[in-house]
């Protein structure tokens, strides 16, 4: 699987770590305009490819072999660059294109231009993208993050099994989505052992009707 990520900021780095853990055989290429950020990425992630350049430049996209990518994710702080590069990637045949935009006008524009997956800048941006990569049910859930779902973080105090939490969470309209242990992120399983210091990332639906929908899909 081949991922192209435009932008090398904090959100991109969190996403890279998650992708490397969940897709260990994937090829990840980052396109970044800032030379110092490129150097930082090369040092921090020696196994990925880093290209210094503007993702709105067709030559740079060709150099990154975007036409062969399975997923293209635009994460810079420049809405216009994100939308333009995403449109170019889509026209080059990339099946899944994800764009981050902050300005509501650009969000509507991206939708009108046919970009299906649009996320908004927030602490949960990387989490939203993880949902989009997991499939239709999670993609629908990601759309609700900003208005219908609370993202909660619980720090585990003593060793226990996740199943001790599972039933109580579902009764409270909540669902465990990720377990963060150090610099690793794991998908939860009911028989997984939780250790002191683990962070349990939980989604809690603000509207009960959503919970009933997604219980059937998970």
N, C-alpha and C. Protein backbone atom coordinates (compact mmCIF):
# COMPACT_ATOMS: atom_id res chain seq x y z
N UNK A 1 0.85 -1.19 0.00
CA UNK A 1 0.00 0.00 0.00
C UNK A 1 0.89 1.24 0.00
N UNK A 2 0.49 2.23 -0.78
CA UNK A 2 1.31 3.44 -0.90
C UNK A 2 0.52 4.66 -0.44
N UNK A 3 1.10 5.40 0.51
CA UNK A 3 0.49 6.62 1.03
C UNK A 3 1.33 7.83 0.62
N UNK A 4 0.65 8.88 0.18
CA UNK A 4 1.31 10.17 -0.05
C UNK A 4 0.73 11.15 0.96
N UNK A 5 1.60 11.80 1.72
CA UNK A 5 1.16 12.79 2.70
C UNK A 5 1.78 14.13 2.33
N UNK A 6 0.94 15.14 2.21
CA UNK A 6 1.43 16.49 1.91
C UNK A 6 1.46 17.28 3.21
N UNK A 7 2.64 17.75 3.58
CA UNK A 7 2.80 18.46 4.84
C UNK A 7 3.46 17.56 5.87
N UNK A 8 4.40 18.13 6.62
CA UNK A 8 5.14 17.31 7.58
C UNK A 8 5.05 17.82 9.01
N UNK A 9 3.95 18.50 9.34
CA UNK A 9 3.78 19.04 10.68
C UNK A 9 3.44 17.99 11.72
N UNK A 10 3.00 18.45 12.90
CA UNK A 10 2.73 17.54 14.01
C UNK A 10 1.67 16.50 13.68
N UNK A 11 0.57 16.94 13.06
CA UNK A 11 -0.50 16.00 12.71
C UNK A 11 0.02 14.94 11.76
N UNK A 12 0.79 15.35 10.76
CA UNK A 12 1.35 14.40 9.80
C UNK A 12 2.27 13.41 10.50
N UNK A 13 3.06 13.88 11.44
CA UNK A 13 3.99 12.99 12.13
C UNK A 13 3.26 11.96 12.99
N UNK A 14 2.17 12.39 13.64
CA UNK A 14 1.35 11.44 14.40
C UNK A 14 0.76 10.40 13.46
N UNK A 15 0.28 10.87 12.32
CA UNK A 15 -0.32 9.96 11.34
C UNK A 15 0.72 8.98 10.80
N UNK A 16 1.92 9.46 10.52
CA UNK A 16 2.99 8.58 10.02
C UNK A 16 3.28 7.46 11.01
N UNK A 17 3.37 7.81 12.29
CA UNK A 17 3.63 6.81 13.32
C UNK A 17 2.52 5.76 13.34
N UNK A 18 1.27 6.21 13.24
CA UNK A 18 0.14 5.28 13.24
C UNK A 18 0.16 4.38 12.00
N UNK A 19 0.46 4.97 10.84
CA UNK A 19 0.49 4.19 9.60
C UNK A 19 1.60 3.16 9.63
N UNK A 20 2.76 3.53 10.15
CA UNK A 20 3.89 2.60 10.22
C UNK A 20 3.56 1.42 11.12
N UNK A 21 2.77 1.69 12.16
CA UNK A 21 2.41 0.62 13.09
C UNK A 21 1.33 -0.28 12.51
N UNK A 22 0.34 0.34 11.84
CA UNK A 22 -0.79 -0.43 11.34
C UNK A 22 -0.55 -1.03 9.96
N UNK A 23 0.31 -0.39 9.16
CA UNK A 23 0.63 -0.89 7.81
C UNK A 23 2.15 -1.00 7.69
N UNK A 24 2.77 -1.96 8.37
CA UNK A 24 4.24 -2.04 8.43
C UNK A 24 4.92 -2.21 7.07
N UNK A 25 4.20 -2.72 6.08
CA UNK A 25 4.81 -2.94 4.76
C UNK A 25 4.46 -1.83 3.77
N UNK A 26 3.77 -0.81 4.24
CA UNK A 26 3.35 0.27 3.35
C UNK A 26 4.51 1.17 2.97
N UNK A 27 4.38 1.80 1.82
CA UNK A 27 5.36 2.80 1.37
C UNK A 27 4.77 4.17 1.64
N UNK A 28 5.48 4.99 2.40
CA UNK A 28 4.99 6.31 2.78
C UNK A 28 5.91 7.38 2.21
N UNK A 29 5.31 8.32 1.49
CA UNK A 29 6.07 9.44 0.93
C UNK A 29 5.46 10.75 1.43
N UNK A 30 6.32 11.63 1.93
CA UNK A 30 5.86 12.94 2.41
C UNK A 30 6.41 14.03 1.50
N UNK A 31 5.53 14.95 1.11
CA UNK A 31 5.94 16.12 0.33
C UNK A 31 5.86 17.34 1.25
N UNK A 32 6.96 18.05 1.40
CA UNK A 32 7.03 19.16 2.35
C UNK A 32 7.81 20.32 1.74
N UNK A 33 7.28 21.54 1.88
CA UNK A 33 7.91 22.73 1.28
C UNK A 33 9.10 23.24 2.09
N UNK A 34 9.04 23.05 3.41
CA UNK A 34 10.08 23.60 4.28
C UNK A 34 11.26 22.65 4.38
N UNK A 35 12.44 23.13 4.05
CA UNK A 35 13.63 22.27 4.01
C UNK A 35 13.99 21.73 5.39
N UNK A 36 13.89 22.56 6.42
CA UNK A 36 14.24 22.11 7.77
C UNK A 36 13.30 21.01 8.25
N UNK A 37 12.02 21.16 7.91
CA UNK A 37 11.05 20.12 8.29
C UNK A 37 11.37 18.82 7.57
N UNK A 38 11.80 18.93 6.32
CA UNK A 38 12.21 17.73 5.57
C UNK A 38 13.36 17.02 6.27
N UNK A 39 14.33 17.79 6.71
CA UNK A 39 15.49 17.22 7.40
C UNK A 39 15.05 16.53 8.70
N UNK A 40 14.12 17.16 9.41
CA UNK A 40 13.62 16.57 10.65
C UNK A 40 12.91 15.24 10.37
N UNK A 41 12.11 15.21 9.31
CA UNK A 41 11.37 14.00 8.96
C UNK A 41 12.31 12.86 8.58
N UNK A 42 13.35 13.19 7.82
CA UNK A 42 14.33 12.18 7.41
C UNK A 42 15.02 11.58 8.63
N UNK A 43 15.32 12.43 9.59
CA UNK A 43 15.99 11.96 10.81
C UNK A 43 15.05 11.13 11.68
N UNK A 44 13.80 11.57 11.78
CA UNK A 44 12.84 10.90 12.66
C UNK A 44 12.27 9.63 12.05
N UNK A 45 12.08 9.65 10.71
CA UNK A 45 11.48 8.49 10.02
C UNK A 45 12.38 8.07 8.85
N UNK A 46 13.49 7.42 9.12
CA UNK A 46 14.44 7.08 8.05
C UNK A 46 13.91 6.11 7.00
N UNK A 47 12.80 5.42 7.30
CA UNK A 47 12.30 4.42 6.35
C UNK A 47 11.31 5.00 5.34
N UNK A 48 10.90 6.26 5.53
CA UNK A 48 9.95 6.85 4.58
C UNK A 48 10.70 7.71 3.56
N UNK A 49 10.02 8.05 2.48
CA UNK A 49 10.59 8.94 1.47
C UNK A 49 10.10 10.36 1.73
N UNK A 50 11.02 11.31 1.68
CA UNK A 50 10.66 12.71 1.90
C UNK A 50 11.10 13.52 0.68
N UNK A 51 10.16 14.26 0.11
CA UNK A 51 10.44 15.08 -1.07
C UNK A 51 10.26 16.54 -0.72
N UNK A 52 11.28 17.33 -0.97
CA UNK A 52 11.22 18.77 -0.71
C UNK A 52 10.63 19.46 -1.93
N UNK A 53 9.46 20.09 -1.75
CA UNK A 53 8.85 20.76 -2.88
C UNK A 53 7.40 21.13 -2.61
N UNK A 54 6.78 21.75 -3.61
CA UNK A 54 5.40 22.21 -3.54
C UNK A 54 4.48 21.16 -4.16
N UNK A 55 3.53 20.66 -3.38
CA UNK A 55 2.65 19.60 -3.86
C UNK A 55 1.68 20.08 -4.93
N UNK A 56 1.59 21.40 -5.13
CA UNK A 56 0.75 21.93 -6.21
C UNK A 56 1.50 21.97 -7.53
N UNK A 57 2.76 21.53 -7.52
CA UNK A 57 3.60 21.49 -8.72
C UNK A 57 3.49 20.10 -9.34
N UNK A 58 2.99 19.98 -10.56
CA UNK A 58 2.83 18.67 -11.21
C UNK A 58 4.13 17.86 -11.24
N UNK A 59 5.27 18.55 -11.41
CA UNK A 59 6.55 17.85 -11.44
C UNK A 59 6.82 17.13 -10.12
N UNK A 60 6.51 17.80 -9.00
CA UNK A 60 6.73 17.20 -7.68
C UNK A 60 5.81 15.99 -7.49
N UNK A 61 4.57 16.10 -7.94
CA UNK A 61 3.64 14.98 -7.82
C UNK A 61 4.10 13.79 -8.64
N UNK A 62 4.65 14.06 -9.82
CA UNK A 62 5.18 12.98 -10.64
C UNK A 62 6.40 12.35 -9.98
N UNK A 63 7.24 13.18 -9.39
CA UNK A 63 8.43 12.68 -8.69
C UNK A 63 8.04 11.77 -7.53
N UNK A 64 6.93 12.10 -6.87
CA UNK A 64 6.45 11.30 -5.74
C UNK A 64 5.67 10.07 -6.20
N UNK A 65 5.50 9.93 -7.51
CA UNK A 65 4.75 8.80 -8.10
C UNK A 65 3.33 8.73 -7.53
N UNK A 66 2.69 9.89 -7.52
CA UNK A 66 1.33 9.98 -6.97
C UNK A 66 0.36 9.08 -7.74
N UNK A 67 0.57 8.91 -9.02
CA UNK A 67 -0.33 8.09 -9.83
C UNK A 67 -0.39 6.64 -9.34
N UNK A 68 0.64 6.21 -8.61
CA UNK A 68 0.68 4.84 -8.09
C UNK A 68 0.20 4.74 -6.65
N UNK A 69 -0.24 5.86 -6.08
CA UNK A 69 -0.63 5.88 -4.66
C UNK A 69 -2.03 5.31 -4.46
N UNK A 70 -2.23 4.68 -3.31
CA UNK A 70 -3.55 4.20 -2.92
C UNK A 70 -4.31 5.28 -2.15
N UNK A 71 -3.55 6.08 -1.38
CA UNK A 71 -4.16 7.12 -0.56
C UNK A 71 -3.32 8.39 -0.65
N UNK A 72 -4.00 9.52 -0.83
CA UNK A 72 -3.34 10.83 -0.87
C UNK A 72 -3.96 11.68 0.23
N UNK A 73 -3.12 12.23 1.12
CA UNK A 73 -3.62 12.98 2.27
C UNK A 73 -2.94 14.35 2.31
N UNK A 74 -3.72 15.42 2.17
CA UNK A 74 -3.16 16.78 2.18
C UNK A 74 -3.39 17.40 3.55
N UNK A 75 -2.28 17.71 4.25
CA UNK A 75 -2.37 18.14 5.65
C UNK A 75 -1.65 19.45 5.95
N UNK A 76 -1.36 20.25 4.94
CA UNK A 76 -0.65 21.49 5.22
C UNK A 76 -1.60 22.49 5.88
N UNK A 77 -1.05 23.61 6.32
CA UNK A 77 -1.88 24.66 6.91
C UNK A 77 -2.46 25.60 5.88
N UNK A 78 -2.23 25.31 4.61
CA UNK A 78 -2.70 26.15 3.50
C UNK A 78 -3.88 25.45 2.81
N UNK A 79 -5.09 25.94 3.06
CA UNK A 79 -6.29 25.31 2.49
C UNK A 79 -6.24 25.22 0.97
N UNK A 80 -5.82 26.32 0.33
CA UNK A 80 -5.82 26.33 -1.14
C UNK A 80 -4.85 25.29 -1.69
N UNK A 81 -3.68 25.18 -1.08
CA UNK A 81 -2.72 24.18 -1.55
C UNK A 81 -3.27 22.77 -1.33
N UNK A 82 -3.92 22.56 -0.20
CA UNK A 82 -4.48 21.24 0.08
C UNK A 82 -5.53 20.85 -0.96
N UNK A 83 -6.43 21.78 -1.27
CA UNK A 83 -7.49 21.49 -2.23
C UNK A 83 -6.92 21.28 -3.63
N UNK A 84 -6.00 22.16 -4.04
CA UNK A 84 -5.42 22.06 -5.39
C UNK A 84 -4.65 20.75 -5.56
N UNK A 85 -3.80 20.42 -4.60
CA UNK A 85 -3.00 19.20 -4.72
C UNK A 85 -3.90 17.96 -4.66
N UNK A 86 -4.97 18.03 -3.88
CA UNK A 86 -5.90 16.89 -3.79
C UNK A 86 -6.63 16.67 -5.11
N UNK A 87 -7.04 17.77 -5.75
CA UNK A 87 -7.71 17.66 -7.05
C UNK A 87 -6.76 17.07 -8.09
N UNK A 88 -5.50 17.50 -8.04
CA UNK A 88 -4.51 16.98 -8.99
C UNK A 88 -4.29 15.49 -8.75
N UNK A 89 -4.24 15.09 -7.48
CA UNK A 89 -4.05 13.68 -7.16
C UNK A 89 -5.23 12.85 -7.63
N UNK A 90 -6.42 13.38 -7.43
CA UNK A 90 -7.62 12.66 -7.89
C UNK A 90 -7.61 12.50 -9.40
N UNK A 91 -7.21 13.56 -10.10
CA UNK A 91 -7.15 13.50 -11.56
C UNK A 91 -6.06 12.56 -12.06
N UNK A 92 -5.07 12.29 -11.19
CA UNK A 92 -4.01 11.35 -11.55
C UNK A 92 -4.41 9.90 -11.25
N UNK A 93 -5.63 9.73 -10.70
CA UNK A 93 -6.15 8.38 -10.51
C UNK A 93 -6.10 7.83 -9.11
N UNK A 94 -5.75 8.66 -8.11
CA UNK A 94 -5.71 8.16 -6.74
C UNK A 94 -7.14 7.87 -6.27
N UNK A 95 -7.36 6.68 -5.74
CA UNK A 95 -8.72 6.26 -5.38
C UNK A 95 -9.24 6.96 -4.14
N UNK A 96 -8.40 7.09 -3.11
CA UNK A 96 -8.85 7.73 -1.86
C UNK A 96 -8.04 8.99 -1.62
N UNK A 97 -8.70 10.13 -1.65
CA UNK A 97 -8.06 11.43 -1.44
C UNK A 97 -8.69 12.07 -0.20
N UNK A 98 -7.85 12.45 0.76
CA UNK A 98 -8.31 13.06 2.00
C UNK A 98 -7.68 14.43 2.12
N UNK A 99 -8.50 15.45 2.38
CA UNK A 99 -7.97 16.81 2.45
C UNK A 99 -8.39 17.47 3.76
N UNK A 100 -7.46 18.20 4.37
CA UNK A 100 -7.77 18.96 5.57
C UNK A 100 -7.96 20.43 5.19
N UNK A 101 -9.09 21.01 5.61
CA UNK A 101 -9.33 22.43 5.36
C UNK A 101 -9.88 23.07 6.63
N UNK A 102 -9.50 24.33 6.86
CA UNK A 102 -9.97 25.05 8.03
C UNK A 102 -11.09 26.02 7.73
N UNK A 103 -11.03 26.64 6.55
CA UNK A 103 -12.03 27.62 6.15
C UNK A 103 -13.28 26.90 5.64
N UNK A 104 -14.46 27.19 6.23
CA UNK A 104 -15.70 26.54 5.80
C UNK A 104 -15.97 26.69 4.30
N UNK A 105 -15.55 27.83 3.72
CA UNK A 105 -15.77 28.05 2.29
C UNK A 105 -14.98 27.03 1.46
N UNK A 106 -13.75 26.75 1.90
CA UNK A 106 -12.94 25.76 1.19
C UNK A 106 -13.51 24.36 1.37
N UNK A 107 -14.10 24.12 2.54
CA UNK A 107 -14.70 22.82 2.79
C UNK A 107 -15.84 22.57 1.81
N UNK A 108 -16.69 23.57 1.64
CA UNK A 108 -17.80 23.44 0.70
C UNK A 108 -17.29 23.32 -0.73
N UNK A 109 -16.23 24.09 -1.05
CA UNK A 109 -15.65 24.04 -2.39
C UNK A 109 -15.10 22.65 -2.68
N UNK A 110 -14.39 22.09 -1.70
CA UNK A 110 -13.82 20.75 -1.89
C UNK A 110 -14.92 19.73 -2.16
N UNK A 111 -16.01 19.84 -1.42
CA UNK A 111 -17.13 18.92 -1.62
C UNK A 111 -17.74 19.09 -3.01
N UNK A 112 -17.92 20.36 -3.42
CA UNK A 112 -18.51 20.64 -4.73
C UNK A 112 -17.63 20.13 -5.86
N UNK A 113 -16.31 20.14 -5.63
CA UNK A 113 -15.37 19.68 -6.66
C UNK A 113 -15.20 18.16 -6.65
N UNK A 114 -15.92 17.50 -5.76
CA UNK A 114 -15.92 16.04 -5.78
C UNK A 114 -14.94 15.36 -4.85
N UNK A 115 -14.34 16.12 -3.92
CA UNK A 115 -13.45 15.49 -2.94
C UNK A 115 -14.32 14.95 -1.81
N UNK A 116 -14.36 13.66 -1.68
CA UNK A 116 -15.31 13.00 -0.79
C UNK A 116 -14.93 13.11 0.68
N UNK A 117 -13.63 13.01 0.97
CA UNK A 117 -13.19 12.96 2.36
C UNK A 117 -12.53 14.27 2.78
N UNK A 118 -13.22 15.03 3.62
CA UNK A 118 -12.72 16.32 4.09
C UNK A 118 -12.70 16.30 5.61
N UNK A 119 -11.55 16.63 6.21
CA UNK A 119 -11.45 16.69 7.67
C UNK A 119 -11.09 18.11 8.07
N UNK A 120 -11.37 18.45 9.33
CA UNK A 120 -11.12 19.80 9.82
C UNK A 120 -9.98 19.81 10.82
N UNK A 121 -9.23 20.92 10.89
CA UNK A 121 -8.11 20.99 11.83
C UNK A 121 -8.60 20.94 13.28
N UNK A 122 -8.08 20.00 14.01
CA UNK A 122 -8.42 19.86 15.43
C UNK A 122 -7.46 18.86 16.03
N UNK A 123 -7.56 18.66 17.33
CA UNK A 123 -6.70 17.69 17.99
C UNK A 123 -6.98 16.28 17.49
N UNK A 124 -8.17 16.08 16.91
CA UNK A 124 -8.56 14.74 16.48
C UNK A 124 -8.38 14.52 14.99
N UNK A 125 -7.64 15.41 14.30
CA UNK A 125 -7.47 15.27 12.85
C UNK A 125 -6.86 13.92 12.48
N UNK A 126 -5.77 13.53 13.15
CA UNK A 126 -5.13 12.25 12.85
C UNK A 126 -6.09 11.10 13.13
N UNK A 127 -6.89 11.25 14.18
CA UNK A 127 -7.87 10.22 14.53
C UNK A 127 -8.94 10.12 13.45
N UNK A 128 -9.41 11.27 12.95
CA UNK A 128 -10.40 11.26 11.87
C UNK A 128 -9.86 10.52 10.65
N UNK A 129 -8.60 10.78 10.31
CA UNK A 129 -8.01 10.14 9.13
C UNK A 129 -7.89 8.64 9.34
N UNK A 130 -7.55 8.22 10.55
CA UNK A 130 -7.50 6.79 10.84
C UNK A 130 -8.84 6.13 10.58
N UNK A 131 -9.93 6.81 10.97
CA UNK A 131 -11.27 6.27 10.72
C UNK A 131 -11.53 6.15 9.22
N UNK A 132 -11.16 7.18 8.47
CA UNK A 132 -11.40 7.18 7.03
C UNK A 132 -10.66 6.04 6.35
N UNK A 133 -9.49 5.69 6.86
CA UNK A 133 -8.70 4.62 6.26
C UNK A 133 -9.24 3.24 6.61
N UNK A 134 -10.07 3.16 7.65
CA UNK A 134 -10.54 1.86 8.12
C UNK A 134 -11.77 1.35 7.38
N UNK A 135 -12.48 2.21 6.67
CA UNK A 135 -13.61 1.70 5.91
C UNK A 135 -14.86 2.54 6.06
N UNK A 136 -15.95 2.15 5.37
CA UNK A 136 -17.17 2.95 5.30
C UNK A 136 -17.77 3.30 6.65
N UNK A 137 -17.91 2.33 7.55
CA UNK A 137 -18.52 2.62 8.84
C UNK A 137 -17.72 3.64 9.62
N UNK A 138 -16.40 3.50 9.60
CA UNK A 138 -15.55 4.43 10.31
C UNK A 138 -15.52 5.79 9.62
N UNK A 139 -15.63 5.79 8.30
CA UNK A 139 -15.64 7.06 7.57
C UNK A 139 -16.86 7.87 7.97
N UNK A 140 -18.01 7.22 8.08
CA UNK A 140 -19.22 7.92 8.52
C UNK A 140 -19.04 8.45 9.93
N UNK A 141 -18.40 7.66 10.77
CA UNK A 141 -18.19 8.08 12.14
C UNK A 141 -17.27 9.29 12.21
N UNK A 142 -16.27 9.32 11.34
CA UNK A 142 -15.33 10.44 11.34
C UNK A 142 -16.04 11.75 11.03
N UNK A 143 -17.05 11.71 10.18
CA UNK A 143 -17.77 12.92 9.82
C UNK A 143 -18.50 13.52 11.02
N UNK A 144 -18.78 12.67 12.01
CA UNK A 144 -19.54 13.14 13.17
C UNK A 144 -18.65 13.69 14.27
N UNK A 145 -17.34 13.51 14.15
CA UNK A 145 -16.45 13.85 15.26
C UNK A 145 -16.59 15.28 15.74
N UNK A 146 -16.73 16.21 14.81
CA UNK A 146 -16.73 17.62 15.21
C UNK A 146 -18.03 18.06 15.87
N UNK A 147 -19.12 17.30 15.68
CA UNK A 147 -20.38 17.80 16.22
C UNK A 147 -21.19 16.77 16.99
N UNK A 148 -21.02 15.48 16.73
CA UNK A 148 -21.88 14.49 17.35
C UNK A 148 -21.14 13.51 18.26
N UNK A 149 -19.82 13.59 18.31
CA UNK A 149 -19.06 12.63 19.09
C UNK A 149 -18.01 13.34 19.94
N UNK A 150 -17.94 12.97 21.20
CA UNK A 150 -16.87 13.46 22.07
C UNK A 150 -15.71 12.48 22.01
N UNK A 151 -14.50 12.99 21.91
CA UNK A 151 -13.30 12.15 21.97
C UNK A 151 -12.73 12.28 23.37
N UNK A 152 -12.73 11.18 24.11
CA UNK A 152 -12.29 11.20 25.50
C UNK A 152 -11.00 10.40 25.66
N UNK A 153 -10.20 10.77 26.64
CA UNK A 153 -8.96 10.06 26.93
C UNK A 153 -8.96 9.65 28.39
N UNK A 154 -8.79 8.35 28.63
CA UNK A 154 -8.76 7.82 29.99
C UNK A 154 -7.39 7.18 30.23
N UNK A 155 -6.72 7.59 31.30
CA UNK A 155 -5.42 7.01 31.64
C UNK A 155 -5.65 5.86 32.61
N UNK A 156 -5.15 4.68 32.24
CA UNK A 156 -5.33 3.48 33.07
C UNK A 156 -4.42 3.56 34.29
N UNK A 157 -4.99 3.32 35.47
CA UNK A 157 -4.23 3.44 36.71
C UNK A 157 -3.67 2.11 37.21
N UNK A 158 -4.36 1.01 36.90
CA UNK A 158 -3.87 -0.29 37.35
C UNK A 158 -4.10 -1.34 36.27
N UNK A 159 -3.31 -2.41 36.33
CA UNK A 159 -3.39 -3.45 35.30
C UNK A 159 -4.75 -4.14 35.34
N UNK A 160 -5.36 -4.27 34.17
CA UNK A 160 -6.67 -4.90 34.07
C UNK A 160 -6.90 -5.33 32.63
N UNK A 161 -7.99 -6.01 32.37
CA UNK A 161 -8.34 -6.39 31.00
C UNK A 161 -9.36 -5.41 30.45
N UNK A 162 -9.27 -5.14 29.17
CA UNK A 162 -10.16 -4.18 28.55
C UNK A 162 -11.63 -4.58 28.71
N UNK A 163 -11.89 -5.89 28.78
CA UNK A 163 -13.28 -6.33 28.89
C UNK A 163 -13.94 -5.84 30.17
N UNK A 164 -13.12 -5.47 31.17
CA UNK A 164 -13.67 -4.92 32.40
C UNK A 164 -14.34 -3.57 32.14
N UNK A 165 -13.85 -2.86 31.12
CA UNK A 165 -14.41 -1.56 30.76
C UNK A 165 -15.51 -1.67 29.70
N UNK A 166 -15.41 -2.69 28.86
CA UNK A 166 -16.19 -2.76 27.62
C UNK A 166 -17.69 -2.59 27.85
N UNK A 167 -18.26 -3.43 28.72
CA UNK A 167 -19.70 -3.38 28.96
C UNK A 167 -20.16 -2.05 29.51
N UNK A 168 -19.38 -1.50 30.46
CA UNK A 168 -19.74 -0.22 31.06
C UNK A 168 -19.72 0.90 30.03
N UNK A 169 -18.73 0.85 29.13
CA UNK A 169 -18.62 1.89 28.10
C UNK A 169 -19.83 1.87 27.17
N UNK A 170 -20.21 0.68 26.71
CA UNK A 170 -21.35 0.58 25.79
C UNK A 170 -22.63 1.05 26.46
N UNK A 171 -22.77 0.77 27.75
CA UNK A 171 -23.96 1.22 28.48
C UNK A 171 -23.99 2.74 28.58
N UNK A 172 -22.82 3.36 28.50
CA UNK A 172 -22.73 4.82 28.60
C UNK A 172 -22.61 5.47 27.22
N UNK A 173 -23.05 4.75 26.19
CA UNK A 173 -23.00 5.27 24.81
C UNK A 173 -21.58 5.61 24.39
N UNK A 174 -20.63 4.77 24.74
CA UNK A 174 -19.23 5.03 24.40
C UNK A 174 -18.61 3.77 23.80
N UNK A 175 -17.51 3.97 23.06
CA UNK A 175 -16.85 2.83 22.44
C UNK A 175 -15.34 3.06 22.42
N UNK A 176 -14.55 2.07 22.90
CA UNK A 176 -13.09 2.22 22.88
C UNK A 176 -12.55 2.07 21.47
N UNK A 177 -11.77 3.05 21.00
CA UNK A 177 -11.29 3.03 19.62
C UNK A 177 -9.79 2.77 19.49
N UNK A 178 -8.98 3.32 20.41
CA UNK A 178 -7.54 3.13 20.34
C UNK A 178 -6.96 3.01 21.74
N UNK A 179 -5.85 2.29 21.83
CA UNK A 179 -5.08 2.24 23.06
C UNK A 179 -3.69 2.77 22.74
N UNK A 180 -3.29 3.81 23.45
CA UNK A 180 -1.98 4.41 23.23
C UNK A 180 -1.05 3.95 24.35
N UNK A 181 0.03 3.28 23.97
CA UNK A 181 1.02 2.78 24.94
C UNK A 181 2.39 3.30 24.52
N UNK A 182 2.86 4.31 25.24
CA UNK A 182 4.12 4.94 24.84
C UNK A 182 3.93 5.63 23.50
N UNK A 183 4.74 5.25 22.51
CA UNK A 183 4.61 5.86 21.18
C UNK A 183 3.92 4.93 20.20
N UNK A 184 3.22 3.90 20.72
CA UNK A 184 2.51 2.95 19.87
C UNK A 184 1.00 3.12 20.04
N UNK A 185 0.27 2.84 18.95
CA UNK A 185 -1.19 2.90 18.98
C UNK A 185 -1.74 1.54 18.57
N UNK A 186 -2.65 0.99 19.38
CA UNK A 186 -3.20 -0.34 19.12
C UNK A 186 -4.71 -0.28 18.96
N UNK A 187 -5.24 -1.15 18.10
CA UNK A 187 -6.68 -1.32 18.00
C UNK A 187 -7.13 -2.19 19.17
N UNK A 188 -8.18 -1.82 19.88
CA UNK A 188 -8.58 -2.56 21.08
C UNK A 188 -9.24 -3.90 20.78
N UNK A 189 -8.96 -4.88 21.62
CA UNK A 189 -9.63 -6.17 21.60
C UNK A 189 -10.08 -6.46 23.02
N UNK A 190 -11.23 -7.10 23.17
CA UNK A 190 -11.82 -7.25 24.50
C UNK A 190 -10.93 -8.00 25.48
N UNK A 191 -10.07 -8.91 24.97
CA UNK A 191 -9.21 -9.68 25.87
C UNK A 191 -7.84 -9.04 26.07
N UNK A 192 -7.66 -7.82 25.58
CA UNK A 192 -6.37 -7.15 25.69
C UNK A 192 -6.12 -6.69 27.13
N UNK A 193 -4.89 -6.88 27.58
CA UNK A 193 -4.53 -6.43 28.92
C UNK A 193 -4.10 -4.97 28.89
N UNK A 194 -4.66 -4.20 29.79
CA UNK A 194 -4.29 -2.79 29.91
C UNK A 194 -3.27 -2.64 31.03
N UNK A 195 -2.27 -1.81 30.78
CA UNK A 195 -1.21 -1.60 31.75
C UNK A 195 -1.28 -0.18 32.31
N UNK A 196 -0.78 0.02 33.53
CA UNK A 196 -0.78 1.37 34.11
C UNK A 196 -0.07 2.35 33.17
N UNK A 197 -0.71 3.49 32.93
CA UNK A 197 -0.14 4.49 32.04
C UNK A 197 -0.69 4.43 30.63
N UNK A 198 -1.35 3.31 30.27
CA UNK A 198 -1.98 3.22 28.96
C UNK A 198 -3.06 4.30 28.84
N UNK A 199 -3.21 4.84 27.64
CA UNK A 199 -4.27 5.82 27.39
C UNK A 199 -5.33 5.17 26.51
N UNK A 200 -6.55 5.14 27.01
CA UNK A 200 -7.67 4.57 26.28
C UNK A 200 -8.43 5.70 25.61
N UNK A 201 -8.43 5.72 24.28
CA UNK A 201 -9.13 6.75 23.52
C UNK A 201 -10.55 6.25 23.26
N UNK A 202 -11.51 7.00 23.73
CA UNK A 202 -12.91 6.58 23.71
C UNK A 202 -13.75 7.58 22.93
N UNK A 203 -14.68 7.06 22.15
CA UNK A 203 -15.67 7.92 21.50
C UNK A 203 -16.97 7.78 22.26
N UNK A 204 -17.54 8.91 22.62
CA UNK A 204 -18.84 8.90 23.29
C UNK A 204 -19.84 9.68 22.45
N UNK A 205 -20.87 9.00 22.01
CA UNK A 205 -21.86 9.63 21.14
C UNK A 205 -22.74 10.60 21.93
N UNK A 206 -22.89 11.80 21.40
CA UNK A 206 -23.75 12.80 22.03
C UNK A 206 -25.22 12.47 21.77
N UNK A 207 -25.46 11.76 20.66
CA UNK A 207 -26.83 11.38 20.32
C UNK A 207 -26.93 9.86 20.33
N UNK A 208 -27.81 9.32 21.14
CA UNK A 208 -27.88 7.87 21.31
C UNK A 208 -28.19 7.14 20.02
N UNK A 209 -28.91 7.78 19.11
CA UNK A 209 -29.28 7.10 17.87
C UNK A 209 -28.05 6.70 17.07
N UNK A 210 -26.95 7.51 17.15
CA UNK A 210 -25.74 7.17 16.41
C UNK A 210 -25.12 5.90 16.97
N UNK A 211 -25.15 5.74 18.28
CA UNK A 211 -24.55 4.56 18.90
C UNK A 211 -25.21 3.30 18.38
N UNK A 212 -26.53 3.29 18.27
CA UNK A 212 -27.22 2.10 17.80
C UNK A 212 -26.80 1.76 16.37
N UNK A 213 -26.55 2.78 15.56
CA UNK A 213 -26.13 2.55 14.18
C UNK A 213 -24.77 1.87 14.14
N UNK A 214 -23.82 2.41 14.91
CA UNK A 214 -22.45 1.93 14.80
C UNK A 214 -22.19 0.66 15.59
N UNK A 215 -23.02 0.34 16.57
CA UNK A 215 -22.87 -0.94 17.26
C UNK A 215 -23.01 -2.10 16.28
N UNK A 216 -23.86 -1.91 15.27
CA UNK A 216 -24.09 -2.96 14.29
C UNK A 216 -22.90 -3.13 13.36
N UNK A 217 -22.09 -2.08 13.22
CA UNK A 217 -20.99 -2.12 12.26
C UNK A 217 -19.68 -2.55 12.90
N UNK A 218 -19.58 -2.48 14.23
CA UNK A 218 -18.29 -2.73 14.88
C UNK A 218 -18.26 -4.11 15.53
